[in-house]
């Protein structure tokens, strides 16, 4: 475990132990999945975890956020960064933040872009499973959501990308970013 200011970098085992010690003071009903797009894999040097999250926070603050938007960030090497207090509502998906936990996965997971490492893949699955267990949530497409399923303007869930949406967490994220792809590919793994 390494700490710089509020940011805490953990491996999977350290994260599980850290999460066990957390007292939760808000209701959490969903786990958001995002990709960073920029920074992507090309920006990750293996030792710049803190610099990347500090830069993301600066970018978010320049867009009017009080602090970094996500609660957690995952990296290509399989590590996890605690970024925003777990008891603080994230700024991840308009319309789905109040009871959410926001996870940003460093990378650009659209087709033909970054290819997810095996360590990163395992951490994404581990983190999602661990959070679902912590909050006693049944794994399904109501408790785990993709940013792509929400209209950017209205904040309404539109599922298959109708309306103004991002591709986030990526058109190649575990086989695709649609609800159908989630149910076929990501859900069976969590």
N, C-alpha and C. Protein backbone atom coordinates (compact mmCIF):
# COMPACT_ATOMS: atom_id res chain seq x y z
N UNK A 1 0.85 -1.18 0.00
CA UNK A 1 0.00 0.00 0.00
C UNK A 1 0.89 1.24 0.00
N UNK A 2 0.53 2.19 -0.86
CA UNK A 2 1.24 3.47 -0.91
C UNK A 2 0.19 4.58 -0.87
N UNK A 3 0.53 5.67 -0.21
CA UNK A 3 -0.40 6.79 -0.09
C UNK A 3 0.29 8.09 -0.45
N UNK A 4 -0.42 8.91 -1.23
CA UNK A 4 0.00 10.28 -1.52
C UNK A 4 -1.23 11.14 -1.34
N UNK A 5 -1.25 11.94 -0.27
CA UNK A 5 -2.43 12.73 0.03
C UNK A 5 -3.61 11.81 0.28
N UNK A 6 -4.73 12.08 -0.37
CA UNK A 6 -5.93 11.25 -0.19
C UNK A 6 -5.90 9.99 -1.05
N UNK A 7 -4.98 9.92 -2.01
CA UNK A 7 -4.92 8.78 -2.93
C UNK A 7 -4.19 7.61 -2.28
N UNK A 8 -4.79 6.41 -2.40
CA UNK A 8 -4.23 5.20 -1.81
C UNK A 8 -4.11 4.16 -2.92
N UNK A 9 -2.91 3.65 -3.17
CA UNK A 9 -2.67 2.63 -4.18
C UNK A 9 -2.55 1.27 -3.51
N UNK A 10 -3.35 0.30 -4.01
CA UNK A 10 -3.43 -1.02 -3.38
C UNK A 10 -3.39 -2.13 -4.42
N UNK A 11 -2.88 -3.28 -4.01
CA UNK A 11 -3.07 -4.46 -4.85
C UNK A 11 -4.42 -5.06 -4.46
N UNK A 12 -4.82 -6.15 -5.09
CA UNK A 12 -6.15 -6.72 -4.83
C UNK A 12 -6.30 -7.16 -3.38
N UNK A 13 -5.31 -7.83 -2.82
CA UNK A 13 -5.41 -8.29 -1.43
C UNK A 13 -5.49 -7.12 -0.47
N UNK A 14 -4.68 -6.11 -0.71
CA UNK A 14 -4.71 -4.91 0.14
C UNK A 14 -6.06 -4.21 0.04
N UNK A 15 -6.61 -4.18 -1.17
CA UNK A 15 -7.91 -3.53 -1.34
C UNK A 15 -8.99 -4.27 -0.55
N UNK A 16 -9.01 -5.59 -0.62
CA UNK A 16 -10.01 -6.37 0.12
C UNK A 16 -9.92 -6.07 1.62
N UNK A 17 -8.71 -6.02 2.14
CA UNK A 17 -8.51 -5.71 3.56
C UNK A 17 -8.95 -4.28 3.87
N UNK A 18 -8.61 -3.34 3.00
CA UNK A 18 -9.01 -1.94 3.18
C UNK A 18 -10.53 -1.81 3.20
N UNK A 19 -11.19 -2.46 2.23
CA UNK A 19 -12.65 -2.35 2.12
C UNK A 19 -13.34 -2.93 3.36
N UNK A 20 -12.78 -3.99 3.91
CA UNK A 20 -13.35 -4.59 5.14
C UNK A 20 -13.38 -3.61 6.30
N UNK A 21 -12.47 -2.64 6.30
CA UNK A 21 -12.40 -1.69 7.43
C UNK A 21 -13.30 -0.46 7.23
N UNK A 22 -13.90 -0.34 6.04
CA UNK A 22 -14.67 0.86 5.74
C UNK A 22 -16.08 0.80 6.34
N UNK A 23 -16.46 1.86 7.01
CA UNK A 23 -17.83 2.00 7.53
C UNK A 23 -18.61 2.79 6.48
N UNK A 24 -19.67 2.20 5.99
CA UNK A 24 -20.44 2.81 4.92
C UNK A 24 -21.60 3.61 5.51
N UNK A 25 -21.69 4.87 5.11
CA UNK A 25 -22.71 5.76 5.66
C UNK A 25 -23.76 6.17 4.62
N UNK A 26 -23.70 5.59 3.43
CA UNK A 26 -24.71 5.91 2.42
C UNK A 26 -25.16 4.64 1.72
N UNK A 27 -26.33 4.72 1.13
CA UNK A 27 -26.89 3.57 0.42
C UNK A 27 -26.23 3.48 -0.96
N UNK A 28 -25.73 2.29 -1.29
CA UNK A 28 -25.13 2.05 -2.60
C UNK A 28 -25.93 0.93 -3.26
N UNK A 29 -26.43 1.20 -4.46
CA UNK A 29 -27.23 0.21 -5.18
C UNK A 29 -26.66 -0.14 -6.55
N UNK A 30 -25.62 0.58 -6.98
CA UNK A 30 -25.04 0.23 -8.27
C UNK A 30 -23.57 0.55 -8.35
N UNK A 31 -22.90 -0.20 -9.21
CA UNK A 31 -21.46 -0.06 -9.44
C UNK A 31 -21.29 0.36 -10.90
N UNK A 32 -20.76 1.56 -11.11
CA UNK A 32 -20.57 2.11 -12.45
C UNK A 32 -19.23 1.64 -13.04
N UNK A 33 -19.26 1.33 -14.33
CA UNK A 33 -18.07 0.94 -15.07
C UNK A 33 -17.76 2.02 -16.11
N UNK A 34 -16.51 2.51 -16.10
CA UNK A 34 -16.06 3.55 -17.02
C UNK A 34 -14.67 3.19 -17.55
N UNK A 35 -14.32 3.77 -18.70
CA UNK A 35 -12.90 3.77 -19.12
C UNK A 35 -12.48 5.23 -19.21
N UNK A 36 -11.19 5.45 -19.03
CA UNK A 36 -10.71 6.84 -19.01
C UNK A 36 -10.62 7.44 -20.41
N UNK A 37 -10.42 6.62 -21.44
CA UNK A 37 -10.19 7.08 -22.81
C UNK A 37 -8.83 7.78 -22.85
N UNK A 38 -8.74 8.96 -22.24
CA UNK A 38 -7.47 9.65 -22.03
C UNK A 38 -7.39 9.99 -20.55
N UNK A 39 -6.42 9.53 -19.83
CA UNK A 39 -5.24 8.78 -20.27
C UNK A 39 -5.57 7.33 -20.62
N UNK A 40 -4.79 6.79 -21.53
CA UNK A 40 -4.94 5.41 -21.92
C UNK A 40 -3.68 4.62 -21.58
N UNK A 41 -3.59 3.43 -22.13
CA UNK A 41 -2.44 2.57 -21.85
C UNK A 41 -1.12 3.22 -22.24
N UNK A 42 -1.10 3.99 -23.31
CA UNK A 42 0.14 4.63 -23.77
C UNK A 42 0.68 5.63 -22.75
N UNK A 43 -0.18 6.12 -21.88
CA UNK A 43 0.23 7.11 -20.88
C UNK A 43 0.71 6.46 -19.58
N UNK A 44 0.47 5.17 -19.43
CA UNK A 44 0.83 4.47 -18.18
C UNK A 44 2.25 3.95 -18.29
N UNK A 45 3.12 4.37 -17.35
CA UNK A 45 4.53 3.97 -17.38
C UNK A 45 4.87 2.88 -16.37
N UNK A 46 3.89 2.49 -15.54
CA UNK A 46 4.14 1.47 -14.53
C UNK A 46 4.46 2.05 -13.17
N UNK A 47 4.76 3.35 -13.11
CA UNK A 47 5.05 3.98 -11.82
C UNK A 47 4.43 5.37 -11.69
N UNK A 48 3.46 5.68 -12.55
CA UNK A 48 2.86 7.02 -12.52
C UNK A 48 1.38 7.01 -12.11
N UNK A 49 1.02 6.05 -11.29
CA UNK A 49 -0.37 5.93 -10.82
C UNK A 49 -0.86 7.23 -10.17
N UNK A 50 -0.07 7.74 -9.23
CA UNK A 50 -0.48 8.95 -8.50
C UNK A 50 -0.55 10.16 -9.43
N UNK A 51 0.45 10.28 -10.29
CA UNK A 51 0.47 11.41 -11.22
C UNK A 51 -0.76 11.37 -12.13
N UNK A 52 -1.13 10.17 -12.59
CA UNK A 52 -2.30 10.05 -13.45
C UNK A 52 -3.57 10.48 -12.73
N UNK A 53 -3.75 10.03 -11.50
CA UNK A 53 -4.96 10.38 -10.75
C UNK A 53 -4.98 11.85 -10.37
N UNK A 54 -3.82 12.39 -10.03
CA UNK A 54 -3.76 13.82 -9.73
C UNK A 54 -4.11 14.64 -10.97
N UNK A 55 -3.65 14.21 -12.14
CA UNK A 55 -3.98 14.89 -13.39
C UNK A 55 -5.47 14.77 -13.71
N UNK A 56 -6.04 13.59 -13.47
CA UNK A 56 -7.48 13.42 -13.68
C UNK A 56 -8.27 14.34 -12.75
N UNK A 57 -7.81 14.44 -11.50
CA UNK A 57 -8.51 15.32 -10.56
C UNK A 57 -8.45 16.77 -11.03
N UNK A 58 -7.28 17.20 -11.48
CA UNK A 58 -7.13 18.57 -11.97
C UNK A 58 -8.08 18.82 -13.14
N UNK A 59 -8.15 17.86 -14.06
CA UNK A 59 -9.05 17.97 -15.21
C UNK A 59 -10.51 18.05 -14.76
N UNK A 60 -10.88 17.22 -13.80
CA UNK A 60 -12.26 17.23 -13.30
C UNK A 60 -12.58 18.55 -12.61
N UNK A 61 -11.64 19.07 -11.85
CA UNK A 61 -11.85 20.36 -11.18
C UNK A 61 -11.98 21.49 -12.20
N UNK A 62 -11.21 21.42 -13.27
CA UNK A 62 -11.32 22.44 -14.33
C UNK A 62 -12.69 22.39 -15.00
N UNK A 63 -13.35 21.23 -14.94
CA UNK A 63 -14.70 21.08 -15.50
C UNK A 63 -15.78 21.41 -14.46
N UNK A 64 -15.37 21.84 -13.27
CA UNK A 64 -16.32 22.28 -12.26
C UNK A 64 -16.62 21.29 -11.15
N UNK A 65 -15.97 20.13 -11.15
CA UNK A 65 -16.17 19.16 -10.07
C UNK A 65 -15.41 19.63 -8.84
N UNK A 66 -15.89 19.24 -7.66
CA UNK A 66 -15.22 19.60 -6.41
C UNK A 66 -13.88 18.86 -6.27
N UNK A 67 -13.83 17.65 -6.81
CA UNK A 67 -12.64 16.81 -6.74
C UNK A 67 -12.71 15.78 -7.85
N UNK A 68 -11.83 14.81 -7.84
CA UNK A 68 -11.86 13.74 -8.84
C UNK A 68 -13.23 13.07 -8.79
N UNK A 69 -13.74 12.70 -9.95
CA UNK A 69 -15.10 12.17 -10.04
C UNK A 69 -15.27 10.75 -9.53
N UNK A 70 -14.28 9.89 -9.73
CA UNK A 70 -14.43 8.47 -9.42
C UNK A 70 -13.99 8.13 -8.00
N UNK A 71 -14.65 7.10 -7.47
CA UNK A 71 -14.24 6.56 -6.17
C UNK A 71 -12.98 5.73 -6.30
N UNK A 72 -12.86 4.98 -7.42
CA UNK A 72 -11.73 4.07 -7.62
C UNK A 72 -11.24 4.14 -9.06
N UNK A 73 -9.95 3.90 -9.23
CA UNK A 73 -9.34 3.79 -10.55
C UNK A 73 -8.56 2.49 -10.59
N UNK A 74 -8.69 1.75 -11.70
CA UNK A 74 -7.89 0.54 -11.90
C UNK A 74 -6.86 0.81 -13.00
N UNK A 75 -5.74 0.06 -12.93
CA UNK A 75 -4.61 0.29 -13.82
C UNK A 75 -4.22 -0.98 -14.58
N UNK A 76 -3.50 -0.84 -15.70
CA UNK A 76 -3.07 -2.00 -16.48
C UNK A 76 -2.26 -3.03 -15.71
N UNK A 77 -1.58 -2.61 -14.64
CA UNK A 77 -0.79 -3.56 -13.85
C UNK A 77 -1.62 -4.29 -12.80
N UNK A 78 -2.93 -4.01 -12.75
CA UNK A 78 -3.81 -4.70 -11.82
C UNK A 78 -3.99 -4.03 -10.48
N UNK A 79 -3.40 -2.87 -10.29
CA UNK A 79 -3.56 -2.16 -9.02
C UNK A 79 -4.84 -1.33 -9.02
N UNK A 80 -5.21 -0.92 -7.82
CA UNK A 80 -6.44 -0.13 -7.59
C UNK A 80 -6.07 1.11 -6.80
N UNK A 81 -6.58 2.24 -7.23
CA UNK A 81 -6.37 3.50 -6.50
C UNK A 81 -7.69 3.93 -5.88
N UNK A 82 -7.66 4.20 -4.57
CA UNK A 82 -8.79 4.85 -3.91
C UNK A 82 -8.62 6.34 -4.20
N UNK A 83 -9.63 6.94 -4.83
CA UNK A 83 -9.51 8.32 -5.29
C UNK A 83 -10.46 9.29 -4.57
N UNK A 84 -11.64 8.85 -4.32
CA UNK A 84 -12.69 9.67 -3.72
C UNK A 84 -13.29 8.84 -2.60
N UNK A 85 -13.53 9.43 -1.46
CA UNK A 85 -14.06 8.70 -0.32
C UNK A 85 -15.25 7.85 -0.73
N UNK A 86 -15.27 6.62 -0.27
CA UNK A 86 -16.34 5.69 -0.63
C UNK A 86 -17.71 6.20 -0.17
N UNK A 87 -17.73 7.05 0.84
CA UNK A 87 -18.99 7.61 1.33
C UNK A 87 -19.37 8.92 0.64
N UNK A 88 -18.59 9.32 -0.35
CA UNK A 88 -18.89 10.52 -1.12
C UNK A 88 -19.49 10.10 -2.46
N UNK A 89 -20.64 10.67 -2.78
CA UNK A 89 -21.29 10.39 -4.05
C UNK A 89 -20.34 10.75 -5.20
N UNK A 90 -20.18 9.85 -6.18
CA UNK A 90 -19.28 10.14 -7.29
C UNK A 90 -19.90 11.12 -8.29
N UNK A 91 -19.08 11.56 -9.21
CA UNK A 91 -19.53 12.36 -10.35
C UNK A 91 -19.19 11.56 -11.59
N UNK A 92 -19.93 10.48 -11.81
CA UNK A 92 -19.61 9.56 -12.89
C UNK A 92 -20.64 9.49 -13.98
N UNK A 93 -21.92 9.30 -13.63
CA UNK A 93 -22.98 9.17 -14.61
C UNK A 93 -24.14 10.06 -14.18
N UNK A 94 -24.44 11.08 -14.97
CA UNK A 94 -25.60 11.91 -14.70
C UNK A 94 -26.83 11.01 -14.60
N UNK A 95 -27.57 11.14 -13.51
CA UNK A 95 -28.76 10.34 -13.29
C UNK A 95 -28.52 9.06 -12.52
N UNK A 96 -27.26 8.71 -12.27
CA UNK A 96 -26.96 7.44 -11.60
C UNK A 96 -25.86 7.58 -10.56
N UNK A 97 -25.69 8.76 -10.01
CA UNK A 97 -24.63 8.97 -9.03
C UNK A 97 -25.07 8.80 -7.59
N UNK A 98 -26.28 9.19 -7.26
CA UNK A 98 -26.73 9.26 -5.86
C UNK A 98 -26.43 7.99 -5.07
N UNK A 99 -26.69 6.84 -5.65
CA UNK A 99 -26.46 5.57 -4.96
C UNK A 99 -25.38 4.75 -5.65
N UNK A 100 -24.45 5.44 -6.31
CA UNK A 100 -23.45 4.74 -7.10
C UNK A 100 -22.06 4.75 -6.50
N UNK A 101 -21.27 3.83 -7.00
CA UNK A 101 -19.82 3.79 -6.81
C UNK A 101 -19.25 3.87 -8.21
N UNK A 102 -18.34 4.79 -8.44
CA UNK A 102 -17.78 4.99 -9.77
C UNK A 102 -16.38 4.39 -9.85
N UNK A 103 -16.20 3.51 -10.84
CA UNK A 103 -14.88 2.93 -11.11
C UNK A 103 -14.44 3.38 -12.49
N UNK A 104 -13.26 4.01 -12.56
CA UNK A 104 -12.62 4.35 -13.83
C UNK A 104 -11.52 3.33 -14.09
N UNK A 105 -11.54 2.76 -15.27
CA UNK A 105 -10.49 1.83 -15.69
C UNK A 105 -9.59 2.57 -16.67
N UNK A 106 -8.32 2.74 -16.30
CA UNK A 106 -7.39 3.42 -17.20
C UNK A 106 -7.32 2.63 -18.50
N UNK A 107 -7.62 3.29 -19.60
CA UNK A 107 -7.56 2.66 -20.90
C UNK A 107 -8.63 3.20 -21.82
N UNK A 108 -8.46 2.87 -23.08
CA UNK A 108 -9.40 3.25 -24.14
C UNK A 108 -9.86 1.94 -24.76
N UNK A 109 -11.00 1.42 -24.30
CA UNK A 109 -11.43 0.07 -24.64
C UNK A 109 -12.45 0.01 -25.76
N UNK A 110 -12.38 0.97 -26.69
CA UNK A 110 -13.14 0.85 -27.92
C UNK A 110 -12.40 -0.11 -28.85
N UNK A 111 -13.11 -0.73 -29.76
CA UNK A 111 -12.54 -1.67 -30.72
C UNK A 111 -11.35 -1.04 -31.45
N UNK A 112 -10.23 -1.77 -31.46
CA UNK A 112 -9.04 -1.31 -32.15
C UNK A 112 -8.14 -0.40 -31.35
N UNK A 113 -8.51 -0.13 -30.11
CA UNK A 113 -7.70 0.76 -29.27
C UNK A 113 -6.91 -0.09 -28.27
N UNK A 114 -6.91 0.25 -26.99
CA UNK A 114 -6.12 -0.49 -26.00
C UNK A 114 -6.63 -1.92 -25.84
N UNK A 115 -5.68 -2.86 -25.74
CA UNK A 115 -6.00 -4.25 -25.45
C UNK A 115 -5.76 -4.48 -23.97
N UNK A 116 -6.80 -4.83 -23.26
CA UNK A 116 -6.74 -4.99 -21.81
C UNK A 116 -5.75 -6.10 -21.41
N UNK A 117 -4.89 -5.79 -20.43
CA UNK A 117 -3.97 -6.80 -19.92
C UNK A 117 -4.72 -7.82 -19.07
N UNK A 118 -4.13 -8.99 -18.90
CA UNK A 118 -4.74 -10.03 -18.06
C UNK A 118 -4.87 -9.56 -16.61
N UNK A 119 -3.85 -8.86 -16.10
CA UNK A 119 -3.91 -8.35 -14.72
C UNK A 119 -5.02 -7.32 -14.55
N UNK A 120 -5.17 -6.46 -15.53
CA UNK A 120 -6.21 -5.44 -15.47
C UNK A 120 -7.59 -6.11 -15.49
N UNK A 121 -7.75 -7.06 -16.38
CA UNK A 121 -9.02 -7.79 -16.49
C UNK A 121 -9.39 -8.43 -15.15
N UNK A 122 -8.43 -9.10 -14.54
CA UNK A 122 -8.70 -9.77 -13.26
C UNK A 122 -9.08 -8.76 -12.19
N UNK A 123 -8.41 -7.61 -12.16
CA UNK A 123 -8.71 -6.59 -11.17
C UNK A 123 -10.10 -6.00 -11.38
N UNK A 124 -10.49 -5.76 -12.62
CA UNK A 124 -11.82 -5.23 -12.91
C UNK A 124 -12.89 -6.19 -12.39
N UNK A 125 -12.71 -7.46 -12.67
CA UNK A 125 -13.68 -8.47 -12.19
C UNK A 125 -13.66 -8.57 -10.68
N UNK A 126 -12.46 -8.63 -10.11
CA UNK A 126 -12.31 -8.70 -8.65
C UNK A 126 -12.98 -7.51 -7.97
N UNK A 127 -12.67 -6.31 -8.43
CA UNK A 127 -13.20 -5.10 -7.80
C UNK A 127 -14.72 -5.06 -7.89
N UNK A 128 -15.25 -5.41 -9.04
CA UNK A 128 -16.70 -5.42 -9.20
C UNK A 128 -17.34 -6.43 -8.27
N UNK A 129 -16.81 -7.66 -8.23
CA UNK A 129 -17.35 -8.70 -7.34
C UNK A 129 -17.26 -8.28 -5.87
N UNK A 130 -16.12 -7.73 -5.50
CA UNK A 130 -15.89 -7.34 -4.10
C UNK A 130 -16.85 -6.24 -3.67
N UNK A 131 -17.09 -5.26 -4.53
CA UNK A 131 -18.03 -4.19 -4.20
C UNK A 131 -19.46 -4.71 -4.14
N UNK A 132 -19.84 -5.59 -5.05
CA UNK A 132 -21.18 -6.18 -5.01
C UNK A 132 -21.39 -6.93 -3.69
N UNK A 133 -20.37 -7.68 -3.27
CA UNK A 133 -20.47 -8.41 -2.00
C UNK A 133 -20.56 -7.45 -0.82
N UNK A 134 -19.74 -6.41 -0.82
CA UNK A 134 -19.73 -5.44 0.28
C UNK A 134 -21.10 -4.80 0.46
N UNK A 135 -21.74 -4.46 -0.66
CA UNK A 135 -23.03 -3.77 -0.59
C UNK A 135 -24.22 -4.73 -0.70
N UNK A 136 -23.92 -6.03 -0.68
CA UNK A 136 -24.96 -7.07 -0.73
C UNK A 136 -25.89 -6.89 -1.92
N UNK A 137 -25.28 -6.70 -3.10
CA UNK A 137 -26.02 -6.50 -4.33
C UNK A 137 -25.97 -7.75 -5.20
N UNK A 138 -27.08 -8.10 -5.78
CA UNK A 138 -27.14 -9.22 -6.71
C UNK A 138 -26.54 -8.78 -8.04
N UNK A 139 -25.60 -9.54 -8.58
CA UNK A 139 -25.01 -9.15 -9.87
C UNK A 139 -26.05 -9.23 -10.99
N UNK A 140 -26.32 -8.10 -11.62
CA UNK A 140 -27.20 -8.03 -12.79
C UNK A 140 -27.01 -6.68 -13.46
N UNK A 141 -27.77 -6.43 -14.51
CA UNK A 141 -27.61 -5.17 -15.25
C UNK A 141 -28.34 -4.00 -14.61
N UNK A 142 -28.80 -4.18 -13.40
CA UNK A 142 -29.36 -3.08 -12.60
C UNK A 142 -28.37 -2.67 -11.51
N UNK A 143 -27.54 -3.60 -11.04
CA UNK A 143 -26.57 -3.29 -9.99
C UNK A 143 -25.19 -2.94 -10.55
N UNK A 144 -24.90 -3.37 -11.76
CA UNK A 144 -23.66 -3.01 -12.45
C UNK A 144 -24.08 -2.32 -13.74
N UNK A 145 -23.62 -1.09 -13.91
CA UNK A 145 -24.07 -0.31 -15.08
C UNK A 145 -22.88 0.26 -15.83
N UNK A 146 -23.09 0.44 -17.12
CA UNK A 146 -22.11 1.06 -18.00
C UNK A 146 -22.54 2.50 -18.28
N UNK A 147 -21.59 3.39 -18.38
CA UNK A 147 -21.89 4.79 -18.68
C UNK A 147 -22.66 4.91 -20.00
N UNK A 148 -22.37 4.06 -20.95
CA UNK A 148 -23.00 4.06 -22.27
C UNK A 148 -24.52 3.93 -22.21
N UNK A 149 -25.03 3.39 -21.14
CA UNK A 149 -26.47 3.14 -21.03
C UNK A 149 -27.27 4.36 -20.60
N UNK A 150 -26.60 5.49 -20.38
CA UNK A 150 -27.27 6.70 -19.87
C UNK A 150 -27.10 7.87 -20.82
N UNK A 151 -28.19 8.59 -21.06
CA UNK A 151 -28.15 9.78 -21.89
C UNK A 151 -27.39 10.88 -21.15
N UNK A 152 -26.43 11.48 -21.84
CA UNK A 152 -25.58 12.50 -21.22
C UNK A 152 -26.35 13.76 -20.86
N UNK A 153 -27.41 14.06 -21.59
CA UNK A 153 -28.17 15.29 -21.35
C UNK A 153 -29.27 15.12 -20.31
N UNK A 154 -30.02 14.02 -20.42
CA UNK A 154 -31.16 13.83 -19.53
C UNK A 154 -30.83 13.03 -18.27
N UNK A 155 -29.77 12.22 -18.34
CA UNK A 155 -29.44 11.35 -17.23
C UNK A 155 -30.33 10.12 -17.16
N UNK A 156 -31.19 9.92 -18.15
CA UNK A 156 -32.08 8.77 -18.17
C UNK A 156 -31.35 7.56 -18.76
N UNK A 157 -31.68 6.39 -18.23
CA UNK A 157 -31.10 5.17 -18.77
C UNK A 157 -31.76 4.87 -20.10
N UNK A 158 -30.95 4.74 -21.13
CA UNK A 158 -31.45 4.48 -22.48
C UNK A 158 -30.91 3.17 -23.04
N UNK A 159 -30.20 2.43 -22.24
CA UNK A 159 -29.66 1.11 -22.55
C UNK A 159 -28.83 1.04 -23.83
N UNK A 160 -29.40 0.76 -24.93
CA UNK A 160 -28.63 0.43 -26.13
C UNK A 160 -28.06 1.64 -26.86
N UNK A 161 -27.70 2.68 -26.12
CA UNK A 161 -27.00 3.79 -26.72
C UNK A 161 -27.88 4.75 -27.48
N UNK A 162 -29.17 4.70 -27.25
CA UNK A 162 -30.06 5.68 -27.88
C UNK A 162 -29.84 7.01 -27.19
N UNK A 163 -30.00 8.10 -27.93
CA UNK A 163 -29.79 9.41 -27.33
C UNK A 163 -28.32 9.79 -27.40
N UNK A 164 -27.96 10.78 -26.60
CA UNK A 164 -26.58 11.27 -26.55
C UNK A 164 -25.81 10.46 -25.53
N UNK A 165 -24.95 9.57 -26.01
CA UNK A 165 -24.20 8.69 -25.10
C UNK A 165 -22.72 8.67 -25.47
N UNK A 166 -21.93 8.22 -24.50
CA UNK A 166 -20.51 7.92 -24.74
C UNK A 166 -20.39 6.43 -25.04
N UNK A 167 -19.25 6.01 -25.56
CA UNK A 167 -19.01 4.57 -25.74
C UNK A 167 -18.56 3.91 -24.45
N UNK A 168 -18.24 4.68 -23.46
CA UNK A 168 -17.70 4.26 -22.17
C UNK A 168 -18.53 3.14 -21.53
N UNK A 169 -17.95 2.05 -21.09
CA UNK A 169 -16.54 1.74 -20.87
C UNK A 169 -15.81 1.17 -22.09
N UNK A 170 -16.41 1.29 -23.26
CA UNK A 170 -15.72 0.89 -24.48
C UNK A 170 -16.47 -0.16 -25.28
N UNK A 171 -16.43 -0.01 -26.60
CA UNK A 171 -17.13 -0.95 -27.47
C UNK A 171 -16.52 -2.35 -27.44
N UNK A 172 -15.30 -2.47 -26.92
CA UNK A 172 -14.66 -3.79 -26.79
C UNK A 172 -14.49 -4.20 -25.33
N UNK A 173 -15.12 -3.49 -24.40
CA UNK A 173 -15.01 -3.80 -22.97
C UNK A 173 -15.73 -5.11 -22.69
N UNK A 174 -14.98 -6.16 -22.42
CA UNK A 174 -15.54 -7.49 -22.16
C UNK A 174 -16.59 -7.86 -23.21
N UNK A 175 -16.26 -7.62 -24.48
CA UNK A 175 -17.15 -8.04 -25.56
C UNK A 175 -18.16 -7.01 -26.02
N UNK A 176 -18.15 -5.83 -25.45
CA UNK A 176 -19.06 -4.78 -25.92
C UNK A 176 -19.64 -3.96 -24.80
N UNK A 177 -20.27 -2.85 -25.17
CA UNK A 177 -20.80 -1.92 -24.17
C UNK A 177 -22.32 -1.90 -24.09
N UNK A 178 -22.99 -2.81 -24.75
CA UNK A 178 -24.44 -2.87 -24.70
C UNK A 178 -24.90 -3.72 -23.51
N UNK A 179 -26.17 -3.61 -23.17
CA UNK A 179 -26.74 -4.43 -22.10
C UNK A 179 -26.65 -5.91 -22.49
N UNK A 180 -26.92 -6.20 -23.76
CA UNK A 180 -26.84 -7.58 -24.25
C UNK A 180 -25.42 -8.12 -24.09
N UNK A 181 -24.42 -7.32 -24.47
CA UNK A 181 -23.02 -7.75 -24.33
C UNK A 181 -22.66 -7.93 -22.87
N UNK A 182 -23.13 -7.02 -22.00
CA UNK A 182 -22.88 -7.16 -20.56
C UNK A 182 -23.42 -8.49 -20.07
N UNK A 183 -24.67 -8.79 -20.38
CA UNK A 183 -25.32 -10.01 -19.87
C UNK A 183 -24.66 -11.27 -20.43
N UNK A 184 -24.15 -11.20 -21.65
CA UNK A 184 -23.51 -12.37 -22.26
C UNK A 184 -22.06 -12.55 -21.82
N UNK A 185 -21.36 -11.46 -21.56
CA UNK A 185 -19.90 -11.54 -21.37
C UNK A 185 -19.40 -11.16 -19.99
N UNK A 186 -19.85 -10.04 -19.46
CA UNK A 186 -19.32 -9.55 -18.17
C UNK A 186 -20.04 -10.22 -16.99
N UNK A 187 -21.35 -10.26 -17.06
CA UNK A 187 -22.13 -10.82 -15.95
C UNK A 187 -21.71 -12.23 -15.55
N UNK A 188 -21.52 -13.15 -16.48
CA UNK A 188 -21.12 -14.51 -16.08
C UNK A 188 -19.78 -14.57 -15.33
N UNK A 189 -18.95 -13.55 -15.49
CA UNK A 189 -17.64 -13.55 -14.86
C UNK A 189 -17.66 -12.96 -13.45
N UNK A 190 -18.73 -12.26 -13.11
CA UNK A 190 -18.81 -11.66 -11.78
C UNK A 190 -19.78 -12.43 -10.90
